[in-house]
């Protein structure tokens, strides 16, 4: 399995510090504007790392973009869900951040299996869950043809 960079340049602790600090503002002030600002920052602090966790530097595919919007949308709704209870908000943020990055990384790794790919050009169709997971049944003949043509192009470049 190839190495998949998860937090290009930013460590998970920086995302947690920004998200945790912003959610901590809700203890200080609980009006609608503050909740809206916290929601936007939390959305970005979850969507960006989930997207980066699924980035792939190969042709096997990437997890669907809906994945980052689902986790980020859930995280952005946290300030609006818990009325007087404040402590579940940072905890929910951390859980959604780690669950989203783990899910994106796991899906990106799964595309290198013998029977699964994330690239529609290498597939022999699609599963019912393709729009959710991005996983497609691998067509080994298409992959062989691509690798042959790629090797020929490299020989011509030399």
N, C-alpha and C. Protein backbone atom coordinates (compact mmCIF):
# COMPACT_ATOMS: atom_id res chain seq x y z
N UNK A 1 0.84 -1.18 0.00
CA UNK A 1 0.00 0.00 0.00
C UNK A 1 0.89 1.25 0.00
N UNK A 2 0.55 2.21 -0.82
CA UNK A 2 1.35 3.43 -0.86
C UNK A 2 1.06 4.31 0.35
N UNK A 3 1.99 5.16 0.65
CA UNK A 3 1.80 6.10 1.75
C UNK A 3 0.85 7.20 1.28
N UNK A 4 -0.15 7.49 2.08
CA UNK A 4 -1.11 8.55 1.74
C UNK A 4 -0.95 9.67 2.75
N UNK A 5 -0.47 10.84 2.31
CA UNK A 5 -0.33 11.94 3.26
C UNK A 5 -1.69 12.39 3.75
N UNK A 6 -1.82 12.58 5.05
CA UNK A 6 -3.13 12.87 5.61
C UNK A 6 -3.33 14.37 5.84
N UNK A 7 -2.37 15.04 6.39
CA UNK A 7 -2.57 16.45 6.75
C UNK A 7 -1.44 17.30 6.19
N UNK A 8 -1.28 17.33 4.88
CA UNK A 8 -0.20 18.08 4.22
C UNK A 8 0.19 19.32 4.99
N UNK A 9 1.30 19.30 5.66
CA UNK A 9 1.82 20.49 6.30
C UNK A 9 1.18 20.83 7.64
N UNK A 10 -0.04 20.49 7.82
CA UNK A 10 -0.70 20.78 9.10
C UNK A 10 -0.89 19.47 9.82
N UNK A 11 -0.51 19.45 11.08
CA UNK A 11 -0.74 18.22 11.83
C UNK A 11 -2.17 18.22 12.35
N UNK A 12 -2.62 17.04 12.73
CA UNK A 12 -3.98 16.91 13.26
C UNK A 12 -4.15 17.76 14.51
N UNK A 13 -3.07 18.02 15.22
CA UNK A 13 -3.17 18.81 16.45
C UNK A 13 -3.51 20.26 16.14
N UNK A 14 -3.04 20.77 15.00
CA UNK A 14 -3.39 22.13 14.64
C UNK A 14 -4.87 22.26 14.29
N UNK A 15 -5.40 21.26 13.55
CA UNK A 15 -6.84 21.28 13.26
C UNK A 15 -7.64 21.17 14.56
N UNK A 16 -7.19 20.32 15.47
CA UNK A 16 -7.89 20.19 16.76
C UNK A 16 -7.79 21.47 17.57
N UNK A 17 -6.64 22.13 17.53
CA UNK A 17 -6.48 23.38 18.28
C UNK A 17 -7.40 24.47 17.74
N UNK A 18 -7.44 24.60 16.41
CA UNK A 18 -8.31 25.63 15.82
C UNK A 18 -9.77 25.29 16.10
N UNK A 19 -10.17 24.05 15.81
CA UNK A 19 -11.57 23.66 16.04
C UNK A 19 -11.96 23.69 17.50
N UNK A 20 -11.06 23.21 18.36
CA UNK A 20 -11.35 23.21 19.80
C UNK A 20 -11.42 24.62 20.36
N UNK A 21 -10.52 25.49 19.90
CA UNK A 21 -10.55 26.88 20.35
C UNK A 21 -11.81 27.60 19.93
N UNK A 22 -12.20 27.36 18.68
CA UNK A 22 -13.41 28.02 18.18
C UNK A 22 -14.66 27.49 18.88
N UNK A 23 -14.72 26.18 19.09
CA UNK A 23 -15.88 25.67 19.82
C UNK A 23 -15.88 26.16 21.26
N UNK A 24 -14.70 26.43 21.80
CA UNK A 24 -14.61 27.00 23.15
C UNK A 24 -15.20 28.39 23.24
N UNK A 25 -15.24 29.11 22.13
CA UNK A 25 -15.87 30.44 22.12
C UNK A 25 -17.34 30.39 22.49
N UNK A 26 -17.96 29.24 22.29
CA UNK A 26 -19.37 29.13 22.62
C UNK A 26 -19.62 29.21 24.12
N UNK A 27 -18.60 28.96 24.93
CA UNK A 27 -18.76 29.13 26.38
C UNK A 27 -18.83 30.61 26.71
N UNK A 28 -18.11 31.39 25.94
CA UNK A 28 -18.04 32.82 26.21
C UNK A 28 -19.27 33.55 25.70
N UNK A 29 -19.73 33.16 24.51
CA UNK A 29 -20.83 33.88 23.90
C UNK A 29 -21.69 32.89 23.11
N UNK A 30 -22.99 32.97 23.27
CA UNK A 30 -23.87 31.96 22.66
C UNK A 30 -24.91 32.58 21.72
N UNK A 31 -24.65 33.72 21.13
CA UNK A 31 -25.66 34.30 20.25
C UNK A 31 -25.58 33.68 18.85
N UNK A 32 -26.52 34.05 17.98
CA UNK A 32 -26.61 33.45 16.66
C UNK A 32 -25.39 33.71 15.78
N UNK A 33 -24.82 34.92 15.86
CA UNK A 33 -23.66 35.24 15.03
C UNK A 33 -22.46 34.37 15.42
N UNK A 34 -22.27 34.19 16.70
CA UNK A 34 -21.13 33.38 17.15
C UNK A 34 -21.32 31.93 16.71
N UNK A 35 -22.52 31.42 16.82
CA UNK A 35 -22.77 30.05 16.37
C UNK A 35 -22.52 29.92 14.87
N UNK A 36 -22.91 30.91 14.10
CA UNK A 36 -22.70 30.87 12.65
C UNK A 36 -21.21 30.87 12.31
N UNK A 37 -20.44 31.71 12.99
CA UNK A 37 -18.99 31.77 12.74
C UNK A 37 -18.34 30.45 13.13
N UNK A 38 -18.72 29.92 14.28
CA UNK A 38 -18.16 28.64 14.73
C UNK A 38 -18.53 27.52 13.74
N UNK A 39 -19.75 27.54 13.22
CA UNK A 39 -20.17 26.53 12.25
C UNK A 39 -19.31 26.56 10.99
N UNK A 40 -19.03 27.76 10.49
CA UNK A 40 -18.22 27.89 9.27
C UNK A 40 -16.80 27.39 9.51
N UNK A 41 -16.21 27.78 10.64
CA UNK A 41 -14.84 27.36 10.94
C UNK A 41 -14.77 25.86 11.15
N UNK A 42 -15.73 25.30 11.86
CA UNK A 42 -15.76 23.85 12.07
C UNK A 42 -15.93 23.12 10.75
N UNK A 43 -16.78 23.63 9.86
CA UNK A 43 -16.95 23.02 8.54
C UNK A 43 -15.61 22.92 7.82
N UNK A 44 -14.86 24.03 7.81
CA UNK A 44 -13.56 24.04 7.13
C UNK A 44 -12.55 23.15 7.83
N UNK A 45 -12.57 23.13 9.16
CA UNK A 45 -11.61 22.32 9.92
C UNK A 45 -11.88 20.82 9.77
N UNK A 46 -13.03 20.43 9.29
CA UNK A 46 -13.31 19.01 9.05
C UNK A 46 -13.22 18.68 7.56
N UNK A 47 -13.76 19.54 6.70
CA UNK A 47 -13.79 19.24 5.26
C UNK A 47 -12.38 19.16 4.68
N UNK A 48 -11.51 20.07 5.04
CA UNK A 48 -10.17 20.10 4.47
C UNK A 48 -9.35 18.85 4.81
N UNK A 49 -9.26 18.44 6.08
CA UNK A 49 -8.49 17.23 6.36
C UNK A 49 -9.12 15.95 5.80
N UNK A 50 -10.45 15.89 5.74
CA UNK A 50 -11.09 14.70 5.15
C UNK A 50 -10.74 14.61 3.67
N UNK A 51 -10.77 15.75 2.98
CA UNK A 51 -10.39 15.76 1.57
C UNK A 51 -8.93 15.34 1.41
N UNK A 52 -8.04 15.87 2.22
CA UNK A 52 -6.62 15.55 2.10
C UNK A 52 -6.33 14.09 2.47
N UNK A 53 -7.10 13.54 3.40
CA UNK A 53 -6.88 12.15 3.78
C UNK A 53 -7.19 11.20 2.64
N UNK A 54 -8.09 11.59 1.75
CA UNK A 54 -8.44 10.74 0.62
C UNK A 54 -7.67 11.03 -0.65
N UNK A 55 -6.80 12.05 -0.62
CA UNK A 55 -6.05 12.38 -1.83
C UNK A 55 -5.13 11.23 -2.21
N UNK A 56 -5.02 11.02 -3.50
CA UNK A 56 -4.22 9.91 -4.00
C UNK A 56 -3.32 10.42 -5.11
N UNK A 57 -2.11 10.00 -5.10
CA UNK A 57 -1.16 10.40 -6.13
C UNK A 57 -1.01 9.30 -7.17
N UNK A 58 -2.06 8.59 -7.45
CA UNK A 58 -2.02 7.53 -8.45
C UNK A 58 -3.31 7.56 -9.26
N UNK A 59 -3.47 6.60 -10.16
CA UNK A 59 -4.64 6.59 -11.04
C UNK A 59 -5.77 5.74 -10.50
N UNK A 60 -5.69 5.26 -9.30
CA UNK A 60 -6.70 4.34 -8.78
C UNK A 60 -7.96 5.04 -8.30
N UNK A 61 -7.93 6.35 -8.14
CA UNK A 61 -9.15 7.07 -7.78
C UNK A 61 -9.09 7.72 -6.42
N UNK A 62 -10.12 8.52 -6.13
CA UNK A 62 -10.25 9.21 -4.86
C UNK A 62 -11.62 8.93 -4.27
N UNK A 63 -11.75 9.01 -2.95
CA UNK A 63 -13.08 8.86 -2.35
C UNK A 63 -14.01 9.96 -2.86
N UNK A 64 -15.29 9.69 -2.95
CA UNK A 64 -16.23 10.69 -3.46
C UNK A 64 -16.23 11.96 -2.61
N UNK A 65 -16.47 13.08 -3.26
CA UNK A 65 -16.46 14.36 -2.55
C UNK A 65 -17.60 14.47 -1.55
N UNK A 66 -18.64 13.69 -1.75
CA UNK A 66 -19.77 13.75 -0.82
C UNK A 66 -19.33 13.37 0.60
N UNK A 67 -18.26 12.57 0.71
CA UNK A 67 -17.78 12.12 2.01
C UNK A 67 -17.35 13.31 2.87
N UNK A 68 -16.58 14.22 2.29
CA UNK A 68 -16.11 15.37 3.08
C UNK A 68 -17.27 16.30 3.44
N UNK A 69 -18.26 16.43 2.54
CA UNK A 69 -19.38 17.31 2.85
C UNK A 69 -20.30 16.72 3.91
N UNK A 70 -20.43 15.41 3.94
CA UNK A 70 -21.26 14.77 4.97
C UNK A 70 -20.66 14.99 6.35
N UNK A 71 -19.36 14.67 6.50
CA UNK A 71 -18.72 14.83 7.81
C UNK A 71 -18.62 16.30 8.21
N UNK A 72 -18.29 17.17 7.26
CA UNK A 72 -18.19 18.60 7.58
C UNK A 72 -19.56 19.19 7.90
N UNK A 73 -20.59 18.76 7.20
CA UNK A 73 -21.93 19.25 7.48
C UNK A 73 -22.42 18.82 8.85
N UNK A 74 -22.13 17.58 9.21
CA UNK A 74 -22.49 17.11 10.55
C UNK A 74 -21.76 17.92 11.62
N UNK A 75 -20.48 18.16 11.38
CA UNK A 75 -19.69 18.92 12.35
C UNK A 75 -20.19 20.36 12.45
N UNK A 76 -20.55 20.97 11.31
CA UNK A 76 -21.04 22.35 11.33
C UNK A 76 -22.37 22.49 12.04
N UNK A 77 -23.12 21.40 12.11
CA UNK A 77 -24.42 21.48 12.80
C UNK A 77 -24.29 21.34 14.32
N UNK A 78 -23.12 20.97 14.81
CA UNK A 78 -22.96 20.76 16.25
C UNK A 78 -23.32 21.98 17.11
N UNK A 79 -22.87 23.21 16.76
CA UNK A 79 -23.23 24.35 17.62
C UNK A 79 -24.72 24.61 17.70
N UNK A 80 -25.49 24.12 16.75
CA UNK A 80 -26.92 24.38 16.71
C UNK A 80 -27.73 23.27 17.36
N UNK A 81 -27.11 22.11 17.63
CA UNK A 81 -27.85 20.95 18.13
C UNK A 81 -27.94 20.89 19.65
N UNK A 82 -26.90 21.28 20.34
CA UNK A 82 -26.85 21.12 21.79
C UNK A 82 -27.18 22.44 22.45
N UNK A 83 -28.41 22.58 22.91
CA UNK A 83 -28.87 23.82 23.52
C UNK A 83 -27.99 24.34 24.63
N UNK A 84 -28.23 23.91 25.85
CA UNK A 84 -27.46 24.39 27.00
C UNK A 84 -26.23 23.54 27.26
N UNK A 85 -26.18 22.36 26.70
CA UNK A 85 -25.03 21.49 26.92
C UNK A 85 -23.90 21.92 26.00
N UNK A 86 -22.79 22.28 26.58
CA UNK A 86 -21.69 22.79 25.77
C UNK A 86 -20.58 21.76 25.56
N UNK A 87 -20.42 20.85 26.48
CA UNK A 87 -19.29 19.92 26.41
C UNK A 87 -19.34 18.94 25.25
N UNK A 88 -20.52 18.55 24.70
CA UNK A 88 -20.49 17.60 23.58
C UNK A 88 -19.98 18.20 22.26
N UNK A 89 -19.93 19.53 22.16
CA UNK A 89 -19.55 20.14 20.89
C UNK A 89 -18.08 19.86 20.55
N UNK A 90 -17.10 20.17 21.41
CA UNK A 90 -15.71 19.84 21.05
C UNK A 90 -15.49 18.33 20.92
N UNK A 91 -16.16 17.55 21.75
CA UNK A 91 -16.04 16.09 21.66
C UNK A 91 -16.59 15.59 20.33
N UNK A 92 -17.76 16.08 19.93
CA UNK A 92 -18.34 15.69 18.64
C UNK A 92 -17.46 16.12 17.48
N UNK A 93 -16.85 17.32 17.59
CA UNK A 93 -15.94 17.80 16.55
C UNK A 93 -14.76 16.84 16.39
N UNK A 94 -14.15 16.45 17.50
CA UNK A 94 -13.00 15.53 17.43
C UNK A 94 -13.40 14.18 16.85
N UNK A 95 -14.54 13.68 17.27
CA UNK A 95 -15.00 12.38 16.76
C UNK A 95 -15.24 12.45 15.26
N UNK A 96 -15.91 13.50 14.78
CA UNK A 96 -16.18 13.62 13.35
C UNK A 96 -14.91 13.86 12.54
N UNK A 97 -13.96 14.62 13.09
CA UNK A 97 -12.69 14.84 12.40
C UNK A 97 -11.94 13.54 12.20
N UNK A 98 -11.80 12.77 13.27
CA UNK A 98 -11.07 11.50 13.17
C UNK A 98 -11.83 10.46 12.37
N UNK A 99 -13.15 10.40 12.52
CA UNK A 99 -13.93 9.42 11.76
C UNK A 99 -13.90 9.74 10.26
N UNK A 100 -13.98 11.01 9.90
CA UNK A 100 -13.94 11.39 8.49
C UNK A 100 -12.60 11.10 7.84
N UNK A 101 -11.52 11.46 8.51
CA UNK A 101 -10.20 11.21 7.93
C UNK A 101 -9.91 9.72 7.87
N UNK A 102 -10.35 8.98 8.88
CA UNK A 102 -10.15 7.52 8.86
C UNK A 102 -10.93 6.89 7.70
N UNK A 103 -12.17 7.32 7.51
CA UNK A 103 -13.00 6.74 6.44
C UNK A 103 -12.43 7.07 5.07
N UNK A 104 -11.99 8.31 4.86
CA UNK A 104 -11.41 8.69 3.56
C UNK A 104 -10.12 7.92 3.30
N UNK A 105 -9.28 7.78 4.31
CA UNK A 105 -8.02 7.03 4.16
C UNK A 105 -8.29 5.57 3.87
N UNK A 106 -9.26 4.98 4.56
CA UNK A 106 -9.59 3.57 4.35
C UNK A 106 -10.12 3.34 2.94
N UNK A 107 -10.99 4.22 2.46
CA UNK A 107 -11.50 4.07 1.10
C UNK A 107 -10.38 4.22 0.07
N UNK A 108 -9.49 5.19 0.28
CA UNK A 108 -8.39 5.39 -0.67
C UNK A 108 -7.50 4.15 -0.72
N UNK A 109 -7.26 3.53 0.41
CA UNK A 109 -6.46 2.29 0.43
C UNK A 109 -7.20 1.14 -0.24
N UNK A 110 -8.52 1.11 -0.12
CA UNK A 110 -9.28 -0.02 -0.66
C UNK A 110 -9.22 -0.08 -2.18
N UNK A 111 -8.92 1.03 -2.84
CA UNK A 111 -8.91 1.04 -4.30
C UNK A 111 -7.74 0.27 -4.89
N UNK A 112 -6.82 -0.17 -4.06
CA UNK A 112 -5.67 -0.93 -4.54
C UNK A 112 -5.85 -2.43 -4.36
N UNK A 113 -7.06 -2.86 -4.06
CA UNK A 113 -7.33 -4.28 -3.90
C UNK A 113 -7.35 -5.00 -5.24
N UNK A 114 -7.37 -6.30 -5.20
CA UNK A 114 -7.37 -7.09 -6.43
C UNK A 114 -8.66 -6.95 -7.21
N UNK A 115 -9.76 -6.72 -6.52
CA UNK A 115 -11.06 -6.72 -7.18
C UNK A 115 -11.75 -5.36 -7.18
N UNK A 116 -11.15 -4.36 -6.53
CA UNK A 116 -11.78 -3.05 -6.39
C UNK A 116 -10.86 -1.98 -6.93
N UNK A 117 -11.44 -0.99 -7.59
CA UNK A 117 -10.72 0.20 -8.00
C UNK A 117 -11.60 1.41 -7.75
N UNK A 118 -11.00 2.58 -7.74
CA UNK A 118 -11.77 3.81 -7.61
C UNK A 118 -11.83 4.56 -8.92
N UNK A 119 -11.18 4.02 -9.94
CA UNK A 119 -11.11 4.68 -11.24
C UNK A 119 -12.14 4.08 -12.18
N UNK A 120 -13.11 4.88 -12.67
CA UNK A 120 -14.14 4.34 -13.56
C UNK A 120 -13.56 3.79 -14.87
N UNK A 121 -12.39 4.32 -15.31
CA UNK A 121 -11.78 3.84 -16.55
C UNK A 121 -11.22 2.43 -16.40
N UNK A 122 -10.93 2.00 -15.19
CA UNK A 122 -10.39 0.66 -14.95
C UNK A 122 -11.46 -0.32 -14.52
N UNK A 123 -12.73 0.10 -14.56
CA UNK A 123 -13.79 -0.73 -13.99
C UNK A 123 -14.60 -1.45 -15.06
N UNK A 124 -15.34 -2.44 -14.60
CA UNK A 124 -16.24 -3.18 -15.49
C UNK A 124 -17.69 -2.88 -15.15
N UNK A 125 -17.94 -1.71 -14.62
CA UNK A 125 -19.30 -1.33 -14.23
C UNK A 125 -19.28 -0.58 -12.92
N UNK A 126 -20.35 -0.68 -12.16
CA UNK A 126 -20.38 -0.05 -10.85
C UNK A 126 -21.29 -0.81 -9.91
N UNK A 127 -21.02 -0.66 -8.63
CA UNK A 127 -21.85 -1.26 -7.59
C UNK A 127 -22.98 -0.29 -7.26
N UNK A 128 -23.95 -0.76 -6.47
CA UNK A 128 -25.03 0.13 -6.04
C UNK A 128 -24.50 1.23 -5.14
N UNK A 129 -23.39 0.97 -4.47
CA UNK A 129 -22.87 1.95 -3.51
C UNK A 129 -21.74 2.79 -4.09
N UNK A 130 -21.58 2.78 -5.42
CA UNK A 130 -20.47 3.51 -6.03
C UNK A 130 -20.50 5.00 -5.68
N UNK A 131 -21.66 5.60 -5.67
CA UNK A 131 -21.72 7.04 -5.37
C UNK A 131 -21.39 7.32 -3.91
N UNK A 132 -21.51 6.34 -3.05
CA UNK A 132 -21.20 6.53 -1.63
C UNK A 132 -19.74 6.24 -1.34
N UNK A 133 -19.21 5.14 -1.87
CA UNK A 133 -17.84 4.73 -1.54
C UNK A 133 -16.84 4.97 -2.66
N UNK A 134 -17.30 5.11 -3.89
CA UNK A 134 -16.38 5.26 -5.01
C UNK A 134 -15.75 3.96 -5.46
N UNK A 135 -16.11 2.85 -4.83
CA UNK A 135 -15.53 1.55 -5.18
C UNK A 135 -16.23 0.97 -6.40
N UNK A 136 -15.45 0.47 -7.34
CA UNK A 136 -15.98 -0.13 -8.56
C UNK A 136 -15.30 -1.48 -8.78
N UNK A 137 -15.97 -2.42 -9.47
CA UNK A 137 -15.33 -3.70 -9.76
C UNK A 137 -14.20 -3.51 -10.79
N UNK A 138 -13.04 -4.04 -10.48
CA UNK A 138 -11.87 -3.86 -11.34
C UNK A 138 -11.96 -4.74 -12.58
N UNK A 139 -11.61 -4.17 -13.74
CA UNK A 139 -11.49 -4.91 -14.98
C UNK A 139 -9.99 -5.05 -15.27
N UNK A 140 -9.45 -6.23 -15.05
CA UNK A 140 -8.01 -6.44 -15.17
C UNK A 140 -7.50 -6.21 -16.58
N UNK A 141 -8.33 -6.47 -17.58
CA UNK A 141 -7.90 -6.28 -18.97
C UNK A 141 -7.66 -4.79 -19.27
N UNK A 142 -8.52 -3.92 -18.77
CA UNK A 142 -8.35 -2.49 -18.99
C UNK A 142 -7.07 -1.98 -18.33
N UNK A 143 -6.78 -2.51 -17.15
CA UNK A 143 -5.56 -2.10 -16.45
C UNK A 143 -4.33 -2.56 -17.23
N UNK A 144 -4.35 -3.79 -17.74
CA UNK A 144 -3.22 -4.29 -18.53
C UNK A 144 -3.01 -3.44 -19.77
N UNK A 145 -4.08 -3.09 -20.47
CA UNK A 145 -3.96 -2.26 -21.67
C UNK A 145 -3.37 -0.88 -21.34
N UNK A 146 -3.82 -0.31 -20.24
CA UNK A 146 -3.29 0.99 -19.84
C UNK A 146 -1.81 0.89 -19.53
N UNK A 147 -1.42 -0.11 -18.78
CA UNK A 147 -0.01 -0.25 -18.41
C UNK A 147 0.87 -0.50 -19.63
N UNK A 148 0.35 -1.25 -20.61
CA UNK A 148 1.10 -1.48 -21.85
C UNK A 148 1.31 -0.18 -22.60
N UNK A 149 0.25 0.58 -22.77
CA UNK A 149 0.37 1.84 -23.50
C UNK A 149 1.24 2.84 -22.74
N UNK A 150 1.19 2.81 -21.42
CA UNK A 150 2.02 3.70 -20.61
C UNK A 150 3.48 3.33 -20.76
N UNK A 151 3.80 2.03 -20.76
CA UNK A 151 5.19 1.58 -20.93
C UNK A 151 5.71 1.95 -22.31
N UNK A 152 4.87 1.84 -23.35
CA UNK A 152 5.28 2.21 -24.70
C UNK A 152 5.55 3.72 -24.78
N UNK A 153 4.74 4.52 -24.13
CA UNK A 153 4.97 5.97 -24.13
C UNK A 153 6.29 6.32 -23.46
N UNK A 154 6.62 5.62 -22.38
CA UNK A 154 7.89 5.87 -21.70
C UNK A 154 9.08 5.51 -22.58
N UNK A 155 8.95 4.39 -23.32
CA UNK A 155 10.03 3.98 -24.22
C UNK A 155 10.22 5.00 -25.34
N UNK A 156 9.14 5.57 -25.84
CA UNK A 156 9.23 6.57 -26.90
C UNK A 156 9.85 7.87 -26.39
N UNK A 157 9.60 8.18 -25.11
CA UNK A 157 10.16 9.41 -24.54
C UNK A 157 11.66 9.30 -24.36
N UNK A 158 12.18 8.09 -24.19
CA UNK A 158 13.62 7.90 -23.99
C UNK A 158 14.29 7.97 -25.30
